[in-house]
Amino acid sequence: MMRRICRSAMLVFGLGVLVGAPLLNGLAFAGDKHVAEAVEHARGAASHGKEGHADACVEHASEALKHATAAGIKNPHLMEGIKHLTEAVKHGKAGHADACTEHADGGATHLAEVK
């Protein structure tokens, strides 16, 4: 009787691992995809800002901010990147392309460090 209970418990545990591991792994990949998109848009924002295009800097920084917040992972670099992107949007909307560029670049740097 005890052997049957142990076998059943091991079977349930094994099935849980087989089903749960890919699901959790898929969630990690979704976060990675959002972070990669956020880095790409943040770099695009910095590039446009360097050319003096505050409006385009805001568009890319806003998109980067959406992806960074959608990543749904806890990481100090992600949080710092979000702060920089928020500042980039704020300064870009005020027409300060140089400050938008600086913060977008800082956001891209931090987001690239997210592991």
C-alpha atoms as a PDB file:
ATOM      1  CA  MET A   1       0.000   0.000   0.000  1.00  0.00           C
ATOM      2  CA  MET A   2       2.774   2.421   0.950  1.00  0.00           C
ATOM      3  CA  ARG A   3       4.668   1.601  -2.220  1.00  0.00           C
ATOM      4  CA  ARG A   4       1.595   2.431  -4.331  1.00  0.00           C
ATOM      5  CA  ILE A   5       1.219   5.826  -2.615  1.00  0.00           C
ATOM      6  CA  CYS A   6       4.900   6.637  -3.177  1.00  0.00           C
ATOM      7  CA  ARG A   7       4.673   5.659  -6.848  1.00  0.00           C
ATOM      8  CA  SER A   8       1.551   7.785  -7.298  1.00  0.00           C
ATOM      9  CA  ALA A   9       3.184  10.754  -5.591  1.00  0.00           C
ATOM     10  CA  MET A  10       6.295  10.439  -7.759  1.00  0.00           C
ATOM     11  CA  LEU A  11       4.147  10.173 -10.884  1.00  0.00           C
ATOM     12  CA  VAL A  12       2.183  13.305  -9.989  1.00  0.00           C
ATOM     13  CA  PHE A  13       5.390  15.187  -9.178  1.00  0.00           C
ATOM     14  CA  GLY A  14       7.027  14.071 -12.434  1.00  0.00           C
ATOM     15  CA  LEU A  15       4.027  15.111 -14.510  1.00  0.00           C
ATOM     16  CA  GLY A  16       3.962  18.445 -12.693  1.00  0.00           C
ATOM     17  CA  VAL A  17       7.584  19.063 -13.599  1.00  0.00           C
ATOM     18  CA  LEU A  18       7.066  18.005 -17.222  1.00  0.00           C
ATOM     19  CA  VAL A  19       4.071  20.289 -17.627  1.00  0.00           C
ATOM     20  CA  GLY A  20       5.224  23.185 -15.434  1.00  0.00           C
ATOM     21  CA  ALA A  21       8.798  23.640 -16.621  1.00  0.00           C
ATOM     22  CA  PRO A  22       7.995  24.530 -20.245  1.00  0.00           C
ATOM     23  CA  LEU A  23       5.232  26.861 -19.099  1.00  0.00           C
ATOM     24  CA  LEU A  24       7.564  28.755 -16.766  1.00  0.00           C
ATOM     25  CA  ASN A  25      10.288  28.736 -19.394  1.00  0.00           C
ATOM     26  CA  GLY A  26       7.866  30.233 -21.916  1.00  0.00           C
ATOM     27  CA  LEU A  27       7.072  33.043 -19.504  1.00  0.00           C
ATOM     28  CA  ALA A  28      10.756  33.806 -19.177  1.00  0.00           C
ATOM     29  CA  PHE A  29      11.109  33.970 -22.949  1.00  0.00           C
ATOM     30  CA  ALA A  30       8.158  36.364 -23.167  1.00  0.00           C
ATOM     31  CA  GLY A  31       9.891  38.675 -20.682  1.00  0.00           C
ATOM     32  CA  ASP A  32      13.139  38.420 -22.649  1.00  0.00           C
ATOM     33  CA  LYS A  33      11.314  39.320 -25.851  1.00  0.00           C
ATOM     34  CA  HIS A  34       9.814  42.431 -24.273  1.00  0.00           C
ATOM     35  CA  VAL A  35      13.175  43.479 -22.849  1.00  0.00           C
ATOM     36  CA  ALA A  36      14.844  43.007 -26.250  1.00  0.00           C
ATOM     37  CA  GLU A  37      12.133  45.127 -27.903  1.00  0.00           C
ATOM     38  CA  ALA A  38      12.518  47.769 -25.193  1.00  0.00           C
ATOM     39  CA  VAL A  39      16.289  47.946 -25.772  1.00  0.00           C
ATOM     40  CA  GLU A  40      15.775  48.268 -29.523  1.00  0.00           C
ATOM     41  CA  HIS A  41      13.254  51.110 -29.155  1.00  0.00           C
ATOM     42  CA  ALA A  42      15.341  52.871 -26.507  1.00  0.00           C
ATOM     43  CA  ARG A  43      18.338  52.821 -28.843  1.00  0.00           C
ATOM     44  CA  GLY A  44      16.114  54.136 -31.615  1.00  0.00           C
ATOM     45  CA  ALA A  45      14.940  56.934 -29.323  1.00  0.00           C
ATOM     46  CA  ALA A  46      18.528  57.883 -28.527  1.00  0.00           C
ATOM     47  CA  SER A  47      19.427  57.843 -32.207  1.00  0.00           C
ATOM     48  CA  HIS A  48      16.565  60.166 -33.143  1.00  0.00           C
ATOM     49  CA  GLY A  49      17.325  62.396 -30.188  1.00  0.00           C
ATOM     50  CA  LYS A  50      20.928  62.800 -31.328  1.00  0.00           C
ATOM     51  CA  GLU A  51      19.565  64.110 -34.609  1.00  0.00           C
ATOM     52  CA  GLY A  52      17.493  66.660 -32.677  1.00  0.00           C
ATOM     53  CA  HIS A  53      14.136  64.975 -33.308  1.00  0.00           C
ATOM     54  CA  ALA A  54      12.446  65.210 -29.906  1.00  0.00           C
ATOM     55  CA  ASP A  55       9.099  63.987 -31.261  1.00  0.00           C
ATOM     56  CA  ALA A  56      10.571  60.783 -32.712  1.00  0.00           C
ATOM     57  CA  CYS A  57      12.593  60.321 -29.524  1.00  0.00           C
ATOM     58  CA  VAL A  58       9.344  60.438 -27.532  1.00  0.00           C
ATOM     59  CA  GLU A  59       7.644  57.920 -29.837  1.00  0.00           C
ATOM     60  CA  HIS A  60      10.422  55.363 -29.491  1.00  0.00           C
ATOM     61  CA  ALA A  61      10.919  55.988 -25.774  1.00  0.00           C
ATOM     62  CA  SER A  62       7.176  55.510 -25.199  1.00  0.00           C
ATOM     63  CA  GLU A  63       7.213  52.243 -27.111  1.00  0.00           C
ATOM     64  CA  ALA A  64      10.298  51.115 -25.180  1.00  0.00           C
ATOM     65  CA  LEU A  65       8.529  52.001 -21.940  1.00  0.00           C
ATOM     66  CA  LYS A  66       5.513  49.872 -22.918  1.00  0.00           C
ATOM     67  CA  HIS A  67       7.708  46.868 -23.611  1.00  0.00           C
ATOM     68  CA  ALA A  68       9.810  47.351 -20.485  1.00  0.00           C
ATOM     69  CA  THR A  69       6.746  47.461 -18.236  1.00  0.00           C
ATOM     70  CA  ALA A  70       5.219  44.470 -20.051  1.00  0.00           C
ATOM     71  CA  ALA A  71       8.321  42.354 -19.364  1.00  0.00           C
ATOM     72  CA  GLY A  72       6.913  41.553 -15.928  1.00  0.00           C
ATOM     73  CA  ILE A  73      10.183  40.571 -14.278  1.00  0.00           C
ATOM     74  CA  LYS A  74      11.805  41.899 -11.125  1.00  0.00           C
ATOM     75  CA  ASN A  75      15.229  43.302 -11.883  1.00  0.00           C
ATOM     76  CA  PRO A  76      16.967  46.457 -10.630  1.00  0.00           C
ATOM     77  CA  HIS A  77      18.274  47.263 -14.116  1.00  0.00           C
ATOM     78  CA  LEU A  78      14.751  46.980 -15.527  1.00  0.00           C
ATOM     79  CA  MET A  79      13.436  49.374 -12.876  1.00  0.00           C
ATOM     80  CA  GLU A  80      16.229  51.855 -13.563  1.00  0.00           C
ATOM     81  CA  GLY A  81      15.636  51.563 -17.299  1.00  0.00           C
ATOM     82  CA  ILE A  82      11.942  52.334 -16.774  1.00  0.00           C
ATOM     83  CA  LYS A  83      12.875  55.436 -14.746  1.00  0.00           C
ATOM     84  CA  HIS A  84      15.159  56.661 -17.527  1.00  0.00           C
ATOM     85  CA  LEU A  85      12.555  56.016 -20.214  1.00  0.00           C
ATOM     86  CA  THR A  86       9.911  57.876 -18.211  1.00  0.00           C
ATOM     87  CA  GLU A  87      12.253  60.850 -17.962  1.00  0.00           C
ATOM     88  CA  ALA A  88      13.059  60.587 -21.671  1.00  0.00           C
ATOM     89  CA  VAL A  89       9.371  60.839 -22.544  1.00  0.00           C
ATOM     90  CA  LYS A  90       8.877  63.764 -20.170  1.00  0.00           C
ATOM     91  CA  HIS A  91      11.836  65.738 -21.543  1.00  0.00           C
ATOM     92  CA  GLY A  92      11.061  64.851 -25.142  1.00  0.00           C
ATOM     93  CA  LYS A  93       7.503  66.124 -24.811  1.00  0.00           C
ATOM     94  CA  ALA A  94       8.961  69.381 -23.514  1.00  0.00           C
ATOM     95  CA  GLY A  95      11.067  69.576 -26.687  1.00  0.00           C
ATOM     96  CA  HIS A  96      14.378  68.847 -24.978  1.00  0.00           C
ATOM     97  CA  ALA A  97      15.922  66.460 -27.483  1.00  0.00           C
ATOM     98  CA  ASP A  98      19.286  66.421 -25.694  1.00  0.00           C
ATOM     99  CA  ALA A  99      17.811  65.358 -22.345  1.00  0.00           C
ATOM    100  CA  CYS A 100      15.530  62.858 -24.086  1.00  0.00           C
ATOM    101  CA  THR A 101      18.594  61.387 -25.785  1.00  0.00           C
ATOM    102  CA  GLU A 102      20.549  61.167 -22.544  1.00  0.00           C
ATOM    103  CA  HIS A 103      17.760  59.381 -20.692  1.00  0.00           C
ATOM    104  CA  ALA A 104      16.903  57.091 -23.616  1.00  0.00           C
ATOM    105  CA  ASP A 105      20.560  56.104 -23.847  1.00  0.00           C
ATOM    106  CA  GLY A 106      20.670  55.473 -20.089  1.00  0.00           C
ATOM    107  CA  GLY A 107      17.512  53.399 -20.345  1.00  0.00           C
ATOM    108  CA  ALA A 108      18.948  51.325 -23.176  1.00  0.00           C
ATOM    109  CA  THR A 109      22.135  50.721 -21.187  1.00  0.00           C
ATOM    110  CA  HIS A 110      20.253  49.497 -18.124  1.00  0.00           C
ATOM    111  CA  LEU A 111      17.787  47.396 -20.114  1.00  0.00           C
ATOM    112  CA  ALA A 112      20.647  45.710 -21.948  1.00  0.00           C
ATOM    113  CA  GLU A 113      21.919  44.537 -18.534  1.00  0.00           C
ATOM    114  CA  VAL A 114      18.663  42.762 -17.655  1.00  0.00           C
ATOM    115  CA  LYS A 115      19.297  39.045 -17.380  1.00  0.00           C
END
